[in-house]
Amino acid sequence: MPKKSPAFDFPQDLRDAQLALRQTRAAYEEYAKTLPWSAEPTPGWEGDKQLHSSCRSHKEDSPGYTEQQATEVRRFQAELFRLSIEVSTHPFWSTLDEGVVEARMALKHAHEQPGGEV
């Protein structure tokens, strides 16, 4: 019989911070898909033909990030850093005598529980 995880009574501000972290990470990942493959202007390349295949890996030239793109990346990174610190240093963690890792893992899924979304 699988071991049942204990329920944790996460404070709402911690749940909110974790949810904001998850949403910001998802938004950043979506934004990153629109960016050139290199932050700096970089020439493209073509790899050697692969054995038993006609496939040649390659990358087109990268124009690098525009100033606006670089600013947006820095904004996302700063927000992700801020939220990560807020979640990881929340006073709630010091109230646990054991099971901190289990609680941190449970928090990542708290939004899936009733009342998890704000």
C-alpha atoms as a PDB file:
ATOM      1  CA  MET A   1       0.000   0.000   0.000  1.00  0.00           C
ATOM      2  CA  PRO A   2       1.520   3.363  -0.984  1.00  0.00           C
ATOM      3  CA  LYS A   3       2.440   5.733   1.802  1.00  0.00           C
ATOM      4  CA  LYS A   4       0.060   8.703   1.967  1.00  0.00           C
ATOM      5  CA  SER A   5       1.676  12.113   2.081  1.00  0.00           C
ATOM      6  CA  PRO A   6       0.726  14.221   5.077  1.00  0.00           C
ATOM      7  CA  ALA A   7      -1.335  17.318   4.443  1.00  0.00           C
ATOM      8  CA  PHE A   8       0.425  20.588   5.099  1.00  0.00           C
ATOM      9  CA  ASP A   9      -1.329  23.738   6.183  1.00  0.00           C
ATOM     10  CA  PHE A  10       0.594  26.171   3.993  1.00  0.00           C
ATOM     11  CA  PRO A  11       0.001  29.852   4.756  1.00  0.00           C
ATOM     12  CA  GLN A  12      -1.786  31.672   1.952  1.00  0.00           C
ATOM     13  CA  ASP A  13       1.118  34.057   1.275  1.00  0.00           C
ATOM     14  CA  LEU A  14       3.434  31.069   0.735  1.00  0.00           C
ATOM     15  CA  ARG A  15       0.904  29.413  -1.587  1.00  0.00           C
ATOM     16  CA  ASP A  16       0.546  32.707  -3.478  1.00  0.00           C
ATOM     17  CA  ALA A  17       4.314  33.098  -3.832  1.00  0.00           C
ATOM     18  CA  GLN A  18       4.694  29.516  -5.087  1.00  0.00           C
ATOM     19  CA  LEU A  19       1.877  30.026  -7.587  1.00  0.00           C
ATOM     20  CA  ALA A  20       3.441  33.301  -8.789  1.00  0.00           C
ATOM     21  CA  LEU A  21       6.789  31.516  -9.143  1.00  0.00           C
ATOM     22  CA  ARG A  22       5.197  28.742 -11.223  1.00  0.00           C
ATOM     23  CA  GLN A  23       3.316  31.213 -13.436  1.00  0.00           C
ATOM     24  CA  THR A  24       6.351  33.459 -13.908  1.00  0.00           C
ATOM     25  CA  ARG A  25       8.525  30.460 -14.824  1.00  0.00           C
ATOM     26  CA  ALA A  26       5.933  29.346 -17.415  1.00  0.00           C
ATOM     27  CA  ALA A  27       5.688  32.866 -18.874  1.00  0.00           C
ATOM     28  CA  TYR A  28       9.482  33.119 -19.063  1.00  0.00           C
ATOM     29  CA  GLU A  29       9.762  29.767 -20.823  1.00  0.00           C
ATOM     30  CA  GLU A  30       7.145  30.860 -23.374  1.00  0.00           C
ATOM     31  CA  TYR A  31       8.951  34.165 -23.916  1.00  0.00           C
ATOM     32  CA  ALA A  32      12.302  32.393 -24.304  1.00  0.00           C
ATOM     33  CA  LYS A  33      10.879  30.381 -27.226  1.00  0.00           C
ATOM     34  CA  THR A  34      10.565  33.644 -29.195  1.00  0.00           C
ATOM     35  CA  LEU A  35      14.196  34.696 -28.660  1.00  0.00           C
ATOM     36  CA  PRO A  36      17.153  34.141 -30.977  1.00  0.00           C
ATOM     37  CA  TRP A  37      19.235  31.106 -30.036  1.00  0.00           C
ATOM     38  CA  SER A  38      22.125  33.276 -28.848  1.00  0.00           C
ATOM     39  CA  ALA A  39      21.986  36.407 -26.700  1.00  0.00           C
ATOM     40  CA  GLU A  40      24.952  37.854 -28.598  1.00  0.00           C
ATOM     41  CA  PRO A  41      25.214  38.105 -32.400  1.00  0.00           C
ATOM     42  CA  THR A  42      26.741  34.770 -33.392  1.00  0.00           C
ATOM     43  CA  PRO A  43      27.407  33.213 -36.778  1.00  0.00           C
ATOM     44  CA  GLY A  44      25.493  30.090 -37.635  1.00  0.00           C
ATOM     45  CA  TRP A  45      27.101  26.743 -38.310  1.00  0.00           C
ATOM     46  CA  GLU A  46      26.547  23.459 -40.087  1.00  0.00           C
ATOM     47  CA  GLY A  47      27.636  20.167 -38.600  1.00  0.00           C
ATOM     48  CA  ASP A  48      29.079  17.148 -40.345  1.00  0.00           C
ATOM     49  CA  LYS A  49      26.825  14.604 -42.013  1.00  0.00           C
ATOM     50  CA  GLN A  50      25.758  11.985 -39.490  1.00  0.00           C
ATOM     51  CA  LEU A  51      26.695   8.357 -40.076  1.00  0.00           C
ATOM     52  CA  HIS A  52      23.924   6.365 -41.798  1.00  0.00           C
ATOM     53  CA  SER A  53      21.836   9.505 -42.218  1.00  0.00           C
ATOM     54  CA  SER A  54      21.486  12.422 -44.562  1.00  0.00           C
ATOM     55  CA  CYS A  55      20.864  14.713 -41.593  1.00  0.00           C
ATOM     56  CA  ARG A  56      23.186  17.671 -41.035  1.00  0.00           C
ATOM     57  CA  SER A  57      22.630  19.662 -37.871  1.00  0.00           C
ATOM     58  CA  HIS A  58      22.809  23.416 -38.302  1.00  0.00           C
ATOM     59  CA  LYS A  59      21.945  26.781 -36.838  1.00  0.00           C
ATOM     60  CA  GLU A  60      21.192  29.956 -38.736  1.00  0.00           C
ATOM     61  CA  ASP A  61      23.026  33.150 -37.809  1.00  0.00           C
ATOM     62  CA  SER A  62      21.743  34.654 -34.575  1.00  0.00           C
ATOM     63  CA  PRO A  63      21.218  38.401 -34.558  1.00  0.00           C
ATOM     64  CA  GLY A  64      21.456  38.376 -30.750  1.00  0.00           C
ATOM     65  CA  TYR A  65      18.911  39.898 -28.413  1.00  0.00           C
ATOM     66  CA  THR A  66      17.603  43.381 -28.956  1.00  0.00           C
ATOM     67  CA  GLU A  67      17.977  45.752 -25.997  1.00  0.00           C
ATOM     68  CA  GLN A  68      14.250  45.288 -25.315  1.00  0.00           C
ATOM     69  CA  GLN A  69      14.608  41.487 -25.316  1.00  0.00           C
ATOM     70  CA  ALA A  70      17.653  41.625 -23.029  1.00  0.00           C
ATOM     71  CA  THR A  71      15.776  43.938 -20.657  1.00  0.00           C
ATOM     72  CA  GLU A  72      12.784  41.578 -20.583  1.00  0.00           C
ATOM     73  CA  VAL A  73      15.031  38.563 -19.894  1.00  0.00           C
ATOM     74  CA  ARG A  74      16.684  40.433 -17.000  1.00  0.00           C
ATOM     75  CA  ARG A  75      13.240  41.393 -15.655  1.00  0.00           C
ATOM     76  CA  PHE A  76      12.066  37.767 -15.748  1.00  0.00           C
ATOM     77  CA  GLN A  77      15.279  36.541 -14.121  1.00  0.00           C
ATOM     78  CA  ALA A  78      15.078  39.126 -11.340  1.00  0.00           C
ATOM     79  CA  GLU A  79      11.435  38.250 -10.641  1.00  0.00           C
ATOM     80  CA  LEU A  80      12.188  34.516 -10.623  1.00  0.00           C
ATOM     81  CA  PHE A  81      15.079  35.118  -8.233  1.00  0.00           C
ATOM     82  CA  ARG A  82      12.933  37.272  -5.938  1.00  0.00           C
ATOM     83  CA  LEU A  83      10.099  34.733  -5.860  1.00  0.00           C
ATOM     84  CA  SER A  84      12.495  31.806  -5.332  1.00  0.00           C
ATOM     85  CA  ILE A  85      13.981  33.569  -2.311  1.00  0.00           C
ATOM     86  CA  GLU A  86      10.515  34.444  -0.987  1.00  0.00           C
ATOM     87  CA  VAL A  87       9.394  30.813  -1.191  1.00  0.00           C
ATOM     88  CA  SER A  88      12.597  29.207   0.070  1.00  0.00           C
ATOM     89  CA  THR A  89      13.099  31.518   3.057  1.00  0.00           C
ATOM     90  CA  HIS A  90       9.469  31.741   4.170  1.00  0.00           C
ATOM     91  CA  PRO A  91       9.101  31.437   7.971  1.00  0.00           C
ATOM     92  CA  PHE A  92       6.775  28.438   7.501  1.00  0.00           C
ATOM     93  CA  TRP A  93       9.746  26.155   6.815  1.00  0.00           C
ATOM     94  CA  SER A  94      11.202  26.783  10.272  1.00  0.00           C
ATOM     95  CA  THR A  95       7.979  25.488  11.863  1.00  0.00           C
ATOM     96  CA  LEU A  96       8.656  21.975  10.564  1.00  0.00           C
ATOM     97  CA  ASP A  97      10.744  19.599  12.637  1.00  0.00           C
ATOM     98  CA  GLU A  98      10.973  17.036   9.854  1.00  0.00           C
ATOM     99  CA  GLY A  99       9.591  16.387   6.401  1.00  0.00           C
ATOM    100  CA  VAL A 100      10.796  19.690   4.960  1.00  0.00           C
ATOM    101  CA  VAL A 101      11.662  18.145   1.593  1.00  0.00           C
ATOM    102  CA  GLU A 102       8.288  16.418   1.446  1.00  0.00           C
ATOM    103  CA  ALA A 103       6.560  19.676   2.350  1.00  0.00           C
ATOM    104  CA  ARG A 104       8.460  21.604  -0.334  1.00  0.00           C
ATOM    105  CA  MET A 105       7.437  19.015  -2.908  1.00  0.00           C
ATOM    106  CA  ALA A 106       3.820  19.187  -1.722  1.00  0.00           C
ATOM    107  CA  LEU A 107       3.845  22.979  -2.029  1.00  0.00           C
ATOM    108  CA  LYS A 108       4.743  22.667  -5.707  1.00  0.00           C
ATOM    109  CA  HIS A 109       1.442  20.818  -6.211  1.00  0.00           C
ATOM    110  CA  ALA A 110      -0.684  22.846  -3.776  1.00  0.00           C
ATOM    111  CA  HIS A 111      -2.264  24.731  -6.707  1.00  0.00           C
ATOM    112  CA  GLU A 112      -3.753  21.410  -7.887  1.00  0.00           C
ATOM    113  CA  GLN A 113      -5.730  21.031  -4.642  1.00  0.00           C
ATOM    114  CA  PRO A 114      -9.094  22.677  -3.981  1.00  0.00           C
ATOM    115  CA  GLY A 115      -8.451  26.265  -2.967  1.00  0.00           C
ATOM    116  CA  GLY A 116      -4.957  26.124  -4.511  1.00  0.00           C
ATOM    117  CA  GLU A 117      -5.513  28.810  -7.116  1.00  0.00           C
ATOM    118  CA  VAL A 118      -5.869  32.380  -5.939  1.00  0.00           C
END
